[in-house]
Structures are given as C-alpha cells and as structure tokens.
Protein backbone atom coordinates (compact mmCIF):
# COMPACT_ATOMS: atom_id res chain seq x y z
CA MET A 1 76.44 -44.09 78.97
CA VAL A 2 73.45 -42.29 77.63
CA GLY A 3 74.34 -39.88 74.87
CA ALA A 4 77.91 -41.13 74.44
CA GLN A 5 79.52 -41.21 71.01
CA LEU A 6 82.34 -43.50 69.95
CA HIS A 7 84.59 -42.15 67.19
CA TRP A 8 87.29 -43.76 65.04
CA ARG A 9 89.59 -41.15 63.51
CA GLN A 10 93.16 -41.32 62.30
CA GLY A 11 93.75 -44.73 63.84
CA ARG A 12 92.45 -44.03 67.33
CA TRP A 13 89.21 -44.40 69.27
CA THR A 14 87.69 -41.59 71.31
CA LEU A 15 84.62 -41.61 73.51
CA GLN A 16 82.69 -38.38 73.81
CA GLN A 17 79.97 -37.64 76.34
CA GLY A 18 78.83 -34.04 76.45
CA ALA A 19 81.89 -31.77 76.45
CA SER A 20 84.17 -34.57 77.69
CA ARG A 21 86.25 -36.48 75.14
CA ARG A 22 88.60 -39.32 76.15
CA THR A 23 90.95 -41.55 74.21
CA VAL A 24 90.08 -45.22 74.65
CA THR A 25 91.34 -48.55 73.33
CA LEU A 26 88.91 -51.34 72.54
CA THR A 27 89.83 -54.72 73.96
CA ARG A 28 89.50 -58.15 72.38
CA ARG A 29 86.55 -58.86 74.66
CA SER A 30 84.49 -56.61 72.35
CA THR A 31 82.15 -58.58 70.13
CA ALA A 32 79.22 -58.17 67.77
CA THR A 33 76.20 -60.31 67.05
CA GLN A 34 73.37 -59.68 64.63
CA TRP A 35 71.34 -57.80 67.27
CA LEU A 36 73.86 -56.48 69.75
CA VAL A 37 77.39 -55.02 69.95
CA TYR A 38 79.40 -55.24 73.17
CA LEU A 39 82.35 -52.87 73.39
CA ALA A 40 84.89 -53.35 76.17
CA PHE A 41 87.42 -50.54 76.42
CA ASN A 42 90.23 -49.10 78.50
CA ASP A 43 90.24 -45.37 79.19
CA MET A 44 93.79 -44.36 78.28
CA PRO A 45 94.32 -41.28 80.49
CA ALA A 46 92.67 -42.80 83.59
CA GLY A 47 93.59 -46.44 82.97
CA SER A 48 90.11 -47.55 83.97
CA ALA A 49 87.99 -50.12 82.14
CA GLY A 50 84.50 -49.58 80.77
CA GLN A 51 81.90 -51.10 78.51
CA LEU A 52 79.17 -50.07 76.09
CA TRP A 53 76.21 -52.04 74.79
CA LEU A 54 74.79 -51.00 71.42
CA TYR A 55 71.62 -52.43 69.96
CA ALA A 56 71.61 -52.91 66.20
CA ASP A 57 68.62 -50.59 65.79
CA SER A 58 70.38 -47.72 67.61
CA ILE A 59 73.05 -47.15 64.97
CA PRO A 60 72.79 -46.57 61.20
CA ARG A 61 73.29 -49.80 59.25
CA ASP A 62 76.40 -48.61 57.37
CA GLN A 63 78.10 -47.48 60.59
CA LEU A 64 77.21 -50.77 62.26
CA ARG A 65 78.86 -52.66 59.39
CA LYS A 66 82.01 -50.54 59.71
CA LEU A 67 82.09 -51.09 63.47
CA ARG A 68 81.81 -54.85 63.03
CA VAL A 69 84.73 -54.78 60.59
CA ARG A 70 86.83 -52.81 63.08
CA LEU A 71 86.03 -55.38 65.78
CA VAL A 72 87.16 -58.22 63.53
CA LEU A 73 90.43 -56.36 62.95
CA LEU A 74 91.05 -56.27 66.73
CA GLU A 75 91.58 -60.04 66.74
C-alpha cells in the first residue's frame, strides 16, 4: 500500500489511504526486527486480511519505537 498511514488513537488502529479510512486490528503474526516491521491485520468492516511491510528507515525513529512497543503488547 503506497501512501498508506497506520494510526493508533484512543485504543484503536485505523489504516488510511487517500480519502479512505478503515478500522483494522493487528494480529499476533505482526512482528518487528531491527530493520523491518511486518504488520498483519484484519479489516474490521470487510473482514478481510491484509499486511504491511515497513522498513526501519521509512518511519521516524521515535514512532518506530512506539510501534514496536505496541506490537509487544499484542502478545
């Protein structure tokens, strides 16, 4: 998903791409390494599954740290 943004607000995840915003839930298959973050999610309204790959250099360091913490809390 080029240009997609993942947001965590008020205890829920949303995925925004252009004018479209969907509520998603991250699954436990999501994981983070030093260089790469794999996010597996379920699209709540549609019930479909999806995935995102983020490279460590494509996200600000402080946001990457917060994302890794959120992934640990999924377990």
